[in-house]
Amino acid sequence: MLDGEAALEAGGVPCRFCRGEALHVPSGVVHQKCNEGVAVVRFIVGSMPKSHGDRVAVGSATQNDMK
């Protein structure tokens, strides 16, 4: 995390992280991030292998879409 503070839920487990912290979400784990603060959140995302085309819009996905 470069700036700010964010909430993340990965695999149904909530956590919070802030500037200077990093986290790893294993491949295939459904996750989402949310800025619950007033400051701008800036972060870097790295994916290996690439994750292009694997996003699903919240509200349009079913549980089977996320497996």
PDB file of N, CA and C in Angstrom:
ATOM      1  N   MET A   1       0.857  -1.160   0.000  1.00  0.00           N
ATOM      2  CA  MET A   1       0.000   0.000   0.000  1.00  0.00           C
ATOM      3  C   MET A   1       0.905   1.225   0.000  1.00  0.00           C
ATOM      4  N   LEU A   2       0.677   2.087  -0.969  1.00  0.00           N
ATOM      5  CA  LEU A   2       1.489   3.299  -1.072  1.00  0.00           C
ATOM      6  C   LEU A   2       0.948   4.417  -0.188  1.00  0.00           C
ATOM      7  N   ASP A   3      -0.361   4.603  -0.186  1.00  0.00           N
ATOM      8  CA  ASP A   3      -1.002   5.649   0.620  1.00  0.00           C
ATOM      9  C   ASP A   3      -2.395   5.211   1.024  1.00  0.00           C
ATOM     10  N   GLY A   4      -2.849   5.690   2.175  1.00  0.00           N
ATOM     11  CA  GLY A   4      -4.212   5.453   2.620  1.00  0.00           C
ATOM     12  C   GLY A   4      -4.360   4.194   3.449  1.00  0.00           C
ATOM     13  N   GLU A   5      -5.609   3.821   3.622  1.00  0.00           N
ATOM     14  CA  GLU A   5      -5.976   2.638   4.405  1.00  0.00           C
ATOM     15  C   GLU A   5      -7.157   1.981   3.714  1.00  0.00           C
ATOM     16  N   ALA A   6      -7.151   0.664   3.621  1.00  0.00           N
ATOM     17  CA  ALA A   6      -8.211  -0.042   2.902  1.00  0.00           C
ATOM     18  C   ALA A   6      -8.655  -1.279   3.678  1.00  0.00           C
ATOM     19  N   ALA A   7      -9.860  -1.708   3.365  1.00  0.00           N
ATOM     20  CA  ALA A   7     -10.391  -2.961   3.890  1.00  0.00           C
ATOM     21  C   ALA A   7     -10.373  -3.961   2.749  1.00  0.00           C
ATOM     22  N   LEU A   8     -10.034  -5.188   3.061  1.00  0.00           N
ATOM     23  CA  LEU A   8     -10.007  -6.244   2.064  1.00  0.00           C
ATOM     24  C   LEU A   8     -10.707  -7.458   2.634  1.00  0.00           C
ATOM     25  N   GLU A   9     -11.473  -8.125   1.791  1.00  0.00           N
ATOM     26  CA  GLU A   9     -12.043  -9.417   2.161  1.00  0.00           C
ATOM     27  C   GLU A   9     -11.535 -10.428   1.150  1.00  0.00           C
ATOM     28  N   ALA A  10     -10.905 -11.461   1.634  1.00  0.00           N
ATOM     29  CA  ALA A  10     -10.357 -12.513   0.777  1.00  0.00           C
ATOM     30  C   ALA A  10     -10.795 -13.861   1.320  1.00  0.00           C
ATOM     31  N   GLY A  11     -11.516 -14.605   0.504  1.00  0.00           N
ATOM     32  CA  GLY A  11     -11.992 -15.907   0.938  1.00  0.00           C
ATOM     33  C   GLY A  11     -12.930 -15.824   2.136  1.00  0.00           C
ATOM     34  N   GLY A  12     -13.654 -14.702   2.253  1.00  0.00           N
ATOM     35  CA  GLY A  12     -14.583 -14.519   3.365  1.00  0.00           C
ATOM     36  C   GLY A  12     -13.940 -14.011   4.644  1.00  0.00           C
ATOM     37  N   VAL A  13     -12.635 -13.755   4.620  1.00  0.00           N
ATOM     38  CA  VAL A  13     -11.917 -13.287   5.808  1.00  0.00           C
ATOM     39  C   VAL A  13     -11.590 -11.798   5.644  1.00  0.00           C
ATOM     40  N   PRO A  14     -12.133 -10.938   6.522  1.00  0.00           N
ATOM     41  CA  PRO A  14     -11.862  -9.508   6.405  1.00  0.00           C
ATOM     42  C   PRO A  14     -10.516  -9.129   7.039  1.00  0.00           C
ATOM     43  N   CYS A  15      -9.885  -8.108   6.480  1.00  0.00           N
ATOM     44  CA  CYS A  15      -8.676  -7.555   7.090  1.00  0.00           C
ATOM     45  C   CYS A  15      -8.538  -6.103   6.662  1.00  0.00           C
ATOM     46  N   ARG A  16      -7.691  -5.364   7.335  1.00  0.00           N
ATOM     47  CA  ARG A  16      -7.410  -3.977   7.000  1.00  0.00           C
ATOM     48  C   ARG A  16      -5.914  -3.848   6.807  1.00  0.00           C
ATOM     49  N   PHE A  17      -5.521  -2.975   5.884  1.00  0.00           N
ATOM     50  CA  PHE A  17      -4.103  -2.719   5.713  1.00  0.00           C
ATOM     51  C   PHE A  17      -3.891  -1.260   5.357  1.00  0.00           C
ATOM     52  N   CYS A  18      -2.701  -0.748   5.657  1.00  0.00           N
ATOM     53  CA  CYS A  18      -2.427   0.670   5.468  1.00  0.00           C
ATOM     54  C   CYS A  18      -1.039   0.870   4.872  1.00  0.00           C
ATOM     55  N   ARG A  19      -0.672   2.129   4.703  1.00  0.00           N
ATOM     56  CA  ARG A  19       0.584   2.499   4.065  1.00  0.00           C
ATOM     57  C   ARG A  19       1.757   1.677   4.600  1.00  0.00           C
ATOM     58  N   GLY A  20       2.557   1.174   3.676  1.00  0.00           N
ATOM     59  CA  GLY A  20       3.738   0.403   4.034  1.00  0.00           C
ATOM     60  C   GLY A  20       3.496  -1.087   4.197  1.00  0.00           C
ATOM     61  N   GLU A  21       2.247  -1.503   4.196  1.00  0.00           N
ATOM     62  CA  GLU A  21       1.928  -2.920   4.356  1.00  0.00           C
ATOM     63  C   GLU A  21       1.645  -3.560   3.003  1.00  0.00           C
ATOM     64  N   ALA A  22       1.791  -4.864   2.954  1.00  0.00           N
ATOM     65  CA  ALA A  22       1.510  -5.640   1.749  1.00  0.00           C
ATOM     66  C   ALA A  22       0.783  -6.909   2.153  1.00  0.00           C
ATOM     67  N   LEU A  23       0.127  -7.507   1.203  1.00  0.00           N
ATOM     68  CA  LEU A  23      -0.521  -8.786   1.470  1.00  0.00           C
ATOM     69  C   LEU A  23      -0.538  -9.629   0.214  1.00  0.00           C
ATOM     70  N   HIS A  24      -0.765 -10.895   0.408  1.00  0.00           N
ATOM     71  CA  HIS A  24      -0.806 -11.854  -0.695  1.00  0.00           C
ATOM     72  C   HIS A  24      -2.165 -12.530  -0.687  1.00  0.00           C
ATOM     73  N   VAL A  25      -2.816 -12.534  -1.849  1.00  0.00           N
ATOM     74  CA  VAL A  25      -4.068 -13.268  -2.017  1.00  0.00           C
ATOM     75  C   VAL A  25      -3.763 -14.411  -2.989  1.00  0.00           C
ATOM     76  N   PRO A  26      -3.873 -15.647  -2.531  1.00  0.00           N
ATOM     77  CA  PRO A  26      -3.566 -16.777  -3.407  1.00  0.00           C
ATOM     78  C   PRO A  26      -4.446 -16.810  -4.654  1.00  0.00           C
ATOM     79  N   SER A  27      -3.925 -17.353  -5.706  1.00  0.00           N
ATOM     80  CA  SER A  27      -4.639 -17.484  -6.971  1.00  0.00           C
ATOM     81  C   SER A  27      -5.957 -18.218  -6.760  1.00  0.00           C
ATOM     82  N   GLY A  28      -7.010 -17.688  -7.370  1.00  0.00           N
ATOM     83  CA  GLY A  28      -8.317 -18.334  -7.299  1.00  0.00           C
ATOM     84  C   GLY A  28      -9.157 -17.950  -6.106  1.00  0.00           C
ATOM     85  N   VAL A  29      -8.608 -17.191  -5.153  1.00  0.00           N
ATOM     86  CA  VAL A  29      -9.373 -16.778  -3.979  1.00  0.00           C
ATOM     87  C   VAL A  29     -10.184 -15.533  -4.331  1.00  0.00           C
ATOM     88  N   VAL A  30     -11.490 -15.599  -4.136  1.00  0.00           N
ATOM     89  CA  VAL A  30     -12.359 -14.458  -4.392  1.00  0.00           C
ATOM     90  C   VAL A  30     -12.033 -13.370  -3.381  1.00  0.00           C
ATOM     91  N   HIS A  31     -11.842 -12.147  -3.873  1.00  0.00           N
ATOM     92  CA  HIS A  31     -11.474 -11.053  -2.976  1.00  0.00           C
ATOM     93  C   HIS A  31     -11.980  -9.720  -3.516  1.00  0.00           C
ATOM     94  N   GLN A  32     -12.077  -8.760  -2.602  1.00  0.00           N
ATOM     95  CA  GLN A  32     -12.442  -7.404  -2.981  1.00  0.00           C
ATOM     96  C   GLN A  32     -11.841  -6.428  -1.986  1.00  0.00           C
ATOM     97  N   LYS A  33     -11.517  -5.224  -2.487  1.00  0.00           N
ATOM     98  CA  LYS A  33     -10.913  -4.175  -1.673  1.00  0.00           C
ATOM     99  C   LYS A  33     -11.846  -2.985  -1.642  1.00  0.00           C
ATOM    100  N   CYS A  34     -11.848  -2.254  -0.529  1.00  0.00           N
ATOM    101  CA  CYS A  34     -12.711  -1.103  -0.381  1.00  0.00           C
ATOM    102  C   CYS A  34     -11.992  -0.016   0.401  1.00  0.00           C
ATOM    103  N   ASN A  35     -12.073   1.219  -0.081  1.00  0.00           N
ATOM    104  CA  ASN A  35     -11.550   2.363   0.656  1.00  0.00           C
ATOM    105  C   ASN A  35     -12.659   2.851   1.570  1.00  0.00           C
ATOM    106  N   GLU A  36     -12.529   2.600   2.862  1.00  0.00           N
ATOM    107  CA  GLU A  36     -13.545   3.026   3.818  1.00  0.00           C
ATOM    108  C   GLU A  36     -13.176   4.344   4.490  1.00  0.00           C
ATOM    109  N   GLY A  37     -12.031   4.904   4.129  1.00  0.00           N
ATOM    110  CA  GLY A  37     -11.590   6.157   4.728  1.00  0.00           C
ATOM    111  C   GLY A  37     -11.917   7.340   3.854  1.00  0.00           C
ATOM    112  N   VAL A  38     -11.390   8.515   4.256  1.00  0.00           N
ATOM    113  CA  VAL A  38     -11.617   9.738   3.495  1.00  0.00           C
ATOM    114  C   VAL A  38     -10.432  10.068   2.594  1.00  0.00           C
ATOM    115  N   ALA A  39      -9.272   9.484   2.865  1.00  0.00           N
ATOM    116  CA  ALA A  39      -8.067   9.742   2.075  1.00  0.00           C
ATOM    117  C   ALA A  39      -8.046   8.871   0.818  1.00  0.00           C
ATOM    118  N   VAL A  40      -7.358   9.362  -0.191  1.00  0.00           N
ATOM    119  CA  VAL A  40      -7.168   8.595  -1.423  1.00  0.00           C
ATOM    120  C   VAL A  40      -6.289   7.387  -1.122  1.00  0.00           C
ATOM    121  N   VAL A  41      -6.651   6.236  -1.676  1.00  0.00           N
ATOM    122  CA  VAL A  41      -5.866   5.012  -1.532  1.00  0.00           C
ATOM    123  C   VAL A  41      -5.077   4.802  -2.815  1.00  0.00           C
ATOM    124  N   ARG A  42      -3.769   4.600  -2.673  1.00  0.00           N
ATOM    125  CA  ARG A  42      -2.919   4.267  -3.820  1.00  0.00           C
ATOM    126  C   ARG A  42      -2.215   2.964  -3.501  1.00  0.00           C
ATOM    127  N   PHE A  43      -2.255   2.012  -4.432  1.00  0.00           N
ATOM    128  CA  PHE A  43      -1.658   0.699  -4.203  1.00  0.00           C
ATOM    129  C   PHE A  43      -1.163   0.117  -5.507  1.00  0.00           C
ATOM    130  N   ILE A  44      -0.322  -0.861  -5.415  1.00  0.00           N
ATOM    131  CA  ILE A  44       0.223  -1.573  -6.569  1.00  0.00           C
ATOM    132  C   ILE A  44      -0.290  -3.000  -6.536  1.00  0.00           C
ATOM    133  N   VAL A  45      -0.706  -3.487  -7.698  1.00  0.00           N
ATOM    134  CA  VAL A  45      -1.163  -4.870  -7.818  1.00  0.00           C
ATOM    135  C   VAL A  45      -0.214  -5.612  -8.746  1.00  0.00           C
ATOM    136  N   GLY A  46       0.229  -6.760  -8.315  1.00  0.00           N
ATOM    137  CA  GLY A  46       1.041  -7.632  -9.157  1.00  0.00           C
ATOM    138  C   GLY A  46       0.397  -9.000  -9.213  1.00  0.00           C
ATOM    139  N   SER A  47       0.341  -9.576 -10.394  1.00  0.00           N
ATOM    140  CA  SER A  47      -0.274 -10.897 -10.557  1.00  0.00           C
ATOM    141  C   SER A  47       0.662 -11.823 -11.308  1.00  0.00           C
ATOM    142  N   MET A  48       0.788 -13.043 -10.812  1.00  0.00           N
ATOM    143  CA  MET A  48       1.612 -14.041 -11.466  1.00  0.00           C
ATOM    144  C   MET A  48       0.954 -15.382 -11.268  1.00  0.00           C
ATOM    145  N   PRO A  49       0.454 -16.076 -12.259  1.00  0.00           N
ATOM    146  CA  PRO A  49       0.460 -15.668 -13.663  1.00  0.00           C
ATOM    147  C   PRO A  49      -0.502 -14.513 -13.873  1.00  0.00           C
ATOM    148  N   LYS A  50      -0.500 -13.938 -15.075  1.00  0.00           N
ATOM    149  CA  LYS A  50      -1.338 -12.775 -15.356  1.00  0.00           C
ATOM    150  C   LYS A  50      -2.803 -13.073 -15.059  1.00  0.00           C
ATOM    151  N   SER A  51      -3.528 -12.027 -14.701  1.00  0.00           N
ATOM    152  CA  SER A  51      -4.926 -12.209 -14.319  1.00  0.00           C
ATOM    153  C   SER A  51      -5.878 -11.428 -15.219  1.00  0.00           C
ATOM    154  N   HIS A  52      -5.443 -11.079 -16.405  1.00  0.00           N
ATOM    155  CA  HIS A  52      -6.294 -10.324 -17.324  1.00  0.00           C
ATOM    156  C   HIS A  52      -7.559 -11.112 -17.648  1.00  0.00           C
ATOM    157  N   GLY A  53      -8.698 -10.433 -17.562  1.00  0.00           N
ATOM    158  CA  GLY A  53      -9.962 -11.060 -17.926  1.00  0.00           C
ATOM    159  C   GLY A  53     -10.592 -11.907 -16.833  1.00  0.00           C
ATOM    160  N   ASP A  54     -10.073 -11.861 -15.617  1.00  0.00           N
ATOM    161  CA  ASP A  54     -10.638 -12.709 -14.563  1.00  0.00           C
ATOM    162  C   ASP A  54     -11.544 -11.953 -13.602  1.00  0.00           C
ATOM    163  N   ARG A  55     -11.850 -10.697 -13.878  1.00  0.00           N
ATOM    164  CA  ARG A  55     -12.670  -9.897 -12.965  1.00  0.00           C
ATOM    165  C   ARG A  55     -14.145 -10.134 -13.228  1.00  0.00           C
ATOM    166  N   VAL A  56     -14.924 -10.079 -12.131  1.00  0.00           N
ATOM    167  CA  VAL A  56     -16.369 -10.210 -12.196  1.00  0.00           C
ATOM    168  C   VAL A  56     -16.959  -9.033 -11.445  1.00  0.00           C
ATOM    169  N   ALA A  57     -17.900  -8.312 -12.047  1.00  0.00           N
ATOM    170  CA  ALA A  57     -18.531  -7.170 -11.398  1.00  0.00           C
ATOM    171  C   ALA A  57     -19.350  -7.634 -10.201  1.00  0.00           C
ATOM    172  N   VAL A  58     -19.200  -6.958  -9.072  1.00  0.00           N
ATOM    173  CA  VAL A  58     -19.954  -7.281  -7.864  1.00  0.00           C
ATOM    174  C   VAL A  58     -21.428  -7.066  -8.157  1.00  0.00           C
ATOM    175  N   GLY A  59     -22.241  -7.988  -7.734  1.00  0.00           N
ATOM    176  CA  GLY A  59     -23.677  -7.899  -7.957  1.00  0.00           C
ATOM    177  C   GLY A  59     -24.145  -8.671  -9.178  1.00  0.00           C
ATOM    178  N   SER A  60     -23.223  -8.946 -10.107  1.00  0.00           N
ATOM    179  CA  SER A  60     -23.624  -9.694 -11.294  1.00  0.00           C
ATOM    180  C   SER A  60     -23.131 -11.133 -11.246  1.00  0.00           C
ATOM    181  N   ALA A  61     -22.334 -11.444 -10.249  1.00  0.00           N
ATOM    182  CA  ALA A  61     -21.747 -12.778 -10.161  1.00  0.00           C
ATOM    183  C   ALA A  61     -22.588 -13.692  -9.282  1.00  0.00           C
ATOM    184  N   THR A  62     -22.603 -14.947  -9.641  1.00  0.00           N
ATOM    185  CA  THR A  62     -23.172 -15.956  -8.774  1.00  0.00           C
ATOM    186  C   THR A  62     -22.019 -16.674  -8.077  1.00  0.00           C
ATOM    187  N   GLN A  63     -22.303 -17.436  -7.073  1.00  0.00           N
ATOM    188  CA  GLN A  63     -21.253 -18.159  -6.364  1.00  0.00           C
ATOM    189  C   GLN A  63     -20.500 -19.072  -7.312  1.00  0.00           C
ATOM    190  N   ASN A  64     -21.179 -19.677  -8.296  1.00  0.00           N
ATOM    191  CA  ASN A  64     -20.512 -20.565  -9.237  1.00  0.00           C
ATOM    192  C   ASN A  64     -19.546 -19.801 -10.144  1.00  0.00           C
ATOM    193  N   ASP A  65     -19.862 -18.527 -10.452  1.00  0.00           N
ATOM    194  CA  ASP A  65     -18.968 -17.720 -11.269  1.00  0.00           C
ATOM    195  C   ASP A  65     -17.634 -17.483 -10.574  1.00  0.00           C
ATOM    196  N   MET A  66     -17.644 -17.511  -9.265  1.00  0.00           N
ATOM    197  CA  MET A  66     -16.461 -17.163  -8.488  1.00  0.00           C
ATOM    198  C   MET A  66     -15.601 -18.363  -8.131  1.00  0.00           C
ATOM    199  N   LYS A  67     -15.963 -19.536  -8.559  1.00  0.00           N
ATOM    200  CA  LYS A  67     -15.175 -20.730  -8.230  1.00  0.00           C
ATOM    201  C   LYS A  67     -14.160 -20.989  -9.289  1.00  0.00           C
TER     202      LYS A  67
END
